[in-house]
Protein backbone atom coordinates (compact mmCIF):
# COMPACT_ATOMS: atom_id res chain seq x y z
CA MET A 1 -36.95 6.13 -64.43
CA SER A 2 -37.20 3.05 -66.63
CA TYR A 3 -39.54 0.24 -65.55
CA CYS A 4 -38.48 -2.18 -68.28
CA ARG A 5 -36.54 -2.17 -71.53
CA TRP A 6 -36.60 -4.20 -74.71
CA SER A 7 -35.04 -7.63 -74.48
CA ILE A 8 -34.52 -10.33 -77.07
CA ASP A 9 -36.27 -12.92 -74.94
CA THR A 10 -38.44 -11.21 -72.32
CA SER A 11 -39.75 -7.76 -73.29
CA ASP A 12 -41.33 -6.11 -76.33
CA VAL A 13 -41.83 -2.83 -74.44
CA TYR A 14 -39.73 0.00 -73.08
CA VAL A 15 -41.59 1.86 -70.32
CA TYR A 16 -40.42 4.91 -68.39
CA ALA A 17 -41.56 7.92 -66.40
CA ASP A 18 -41.28 10.73 -68.92
CA THR A 19 -39.30 13.85 -68.00
CA TYR A 20 -42.13 15.88 -69.59
CA GLY A 21 -44.66 14.25 -67.26
CA GLY A 22 -46.67 11.08 -67.39
CA TRP A 23 -45.48 7.66 -68.54
CA THR A 24 -44.29 6.55 -71.96
CA CYS A 25 -44.23 3.11 -73.56
CA HIS A 26 -42.49 2.27 -76.84
CA VAL A 27 -43.52 -1.07 -78.36
CA ALA A 28 -41.09 -2.93 -80.61
CA LYS A 29 -42.15 -3.41 -84.22
CA VAL A 30 -40.42 -6.77 -84.58
CA ARG A 31 -39.09 -9.43 -82.27
CA ARG A 32 -36.10 -11.69 -82.91
CA ILE A 33 -36.90 -15.37 -82.59
CA VAL A 34 -34.36 -17.32 -80.55
CA GLY A 35 -34.33 -20.94 -79.43
CA GLU A 36 -35.18 -22.32 -76.01
CA ASP A 37 -31.44 -22.74 -75.47
CA PHE A 38 -30.89 -18.96 -75.52
CA PRO A 39 -29.13 -18.17 -72.19
CA LYS A 40 -31.46 -16.58 -69.63
CA ILE A 41 -30.46 -13.52 -67.59
CA PRO A 42 -30.44 -14.26 -63.84
CA HIS A 43 -33.09 -12.50 -61.73
CA LEU A 44 -31.96 -9.46 -59.76
CA PRO A 45 -31.56 -10.10 -56.02
CA ILE A 46 -33.82 -7.20 -54.97
CA GLY A 47 -33.23 -6.62 -51.27
CA GLY A 48 -30.27 -9.01 -51.40
CA THR A 49 -26.98 -8.86 -49.57
CA PRO A 50 -23.87 -7.31 -51.11
CA GLU A 51 -22.54 -10.84 -51.63
CA GLU A 52 -25.69 -11.83 -53.54
CA TRP A 53 -25.34 -8.74 -55.72
CA GLU A 54 -21.70 -9.53 -56.38
CA GLN A 55 -22.62 -13.09 -57.37
CA TRP A 56 -25.40 -11.76 -59.61
CA ALA A 57 -22.95 -9.40 -61.35
CA THR A 58 -20.54 -12.29 -61.95
CA ASP A 59 -23.31 -14.54 -63.26
CA TYR A 60 -24.73 -11.73 -65.40
CA GLY A 61 -21.33 -11.17 -67.04
CA LYS A 62 -21.05 -14.85 -67.91
CA VAL A 63 -24.60 -14.99 -69.27
CA TRP A 64 -24.07 -11.82 -71.30
CA GLU A 65 -21.00 -13.39 -72.95
CA ALA A 66 -22.95 -16.60 -73.61
CA ARG A 67 -25.80 -14.62 -75.18
CA GLN A 68 -23.38 -12.78 -77.45
CA ALA A 69 -21.74 -16.05 -78.46
CA TYR A 70 -25.17 -17.56 -79.20
CA LEU A 71 -26.06 -14.67 -81.50
CA ASP A 72 -22.60 -14.62 -83.12
CA ASN A 73 -22.85 -18.34 -83.91
CA GLN A 74 -26.19 -18.11 -85.70
CA ASP A 75 -26.07 -18.54 -89.46
CA GLU A 76 -26.76 -15.59 -91.75
CA LYS A 77 -30.44 -16.49 -91.90
CA MET A 78 -30.76 -15.53 -88.23
CA THR A 79 -30.98 -11.89 -89.23
CA LEU A 80 -34.13 -12.81 -91.13
CA ASN A 81 -35.54 -14.74 -88.18
CA LEU A 82 -37.78 -11.89 -87.07
CA ALA A 83 -41.46 -11.85 -86.26
CA GLU A 84 -43.46 -8.70 -86.78
CA ILE A 85 -45.55 -7.56 -83.83
CA TYR A 86 -48.90 -6.96 -85.49
CA PRO A 87 -51.60 -6.18 -82.99
CA LYS A 88 -52.60 -2.54 -82.78
CA PHE A 89 -49.56 -1.93 -80.57
CA GLY A 90 -46.55 -2.97 -82.69
CA GLY A 91 -44.12 -0.15 -83.49
CA GLU A 92 -46.21 2.43 -81.64
CA THR A 93 -45.55 4.83 -78.76
CA PHE A 94 -48.12 5.41 -76.03
CA ARG A 95 -48.29 8.02 -73.29
CA THR A 96 -50.51 8.06 -70.21
CA PRO A 97 -50.91 10.72 -67.52
CA THR A 98 -50.80 8.24 -64.61
CA ALA A 99 -48.84 5.14 -63.69
CA GLY A 100 -52.10 3.25 -63.13
CA GLU A 101 -53.30 3.97 -66.66
CA MET A 102 -49.95 2.74 -68.01
CA ALA A 103 -50.39 -0.46 -65.97
CA ASP A 104 -53.85 -0.96 -67.50
CA LEU A 105 -52.44 -0.40 -70.98
CA LEU A 106 -49.63 -2.91 -70.35
CA ASP A 107 -52.20 -5.49 -69.20
CA GLU A 108 -54.15 -4.91 -72.42
CA MET A 109 -50.96 -5.32 -74.47
CA SER A 110 -50.00 -8.47 -72.63
CA ALA A 111 -53.42 -9.99 -73.38
CA THR A 112 -52.70 -9.62 -77.13
CA GLY A 113 -49.32 -11.38 -76.91
CA ILE A 114 -47.01 -8.40 -76.41
CA ARG A 115 -44.27 -9.50 -74.01
CA VAL A 116 -44.43 -7.35 -70.87
CA PRO A 117 -42.07 -8.38 -68.05
CA GLU A 118 -43.81 -9.85 -65.03
CA GLY A 119 -44.38 -7.41 -62.21
CA VAL A 120 -44.10 -4.16 -64.18
CA ALA A 121 -47.84 -3.41 -64.05
CA THR A 122 -47.88 -4.21 -60.32
CA VAL A 123 -45.05 -1.77 -59.62
CA LEU A 124 -46.79 0.94 -61.65
CA ARG A 125 -50.05 0.40 -59.74
CA GLU A 126 -48.21 0.57 -56.41
CA GLU A 127 -46.57 3.82 -57.48
CA ASP A 128 -49.93 5.19 -58.59
CA ALA A 129 -51.42 4.41 -55.15
CA GLU A 130 -48.73 6.45 -53.35
């Protein structure tokens, strides 16, 4: 199960429960720099009605197209508009035996500037408590 994946604007980490046991986190080595006008993905309606999910899917499709258009319309220099993720985490893979330890590691990463989506550590800690 994946807890979060890389995203141009919100996540530098890809975290999942590993089929071999434990939890794995891959940290991006670089991050693409985009402007404040980069279209934002709508939040998932967790616990929402079927109508809310249908609206989310429609909105998501429109935003996805807008994001693609944004990237397609960047000049050639955009491909060079990357920032390396330097702290001790950039480009590395980490494994922990428990969800709680992964949550602690994600908090440590976040404190150094690695983008970890909000709520991921909380979900991992809740899972660890079960």
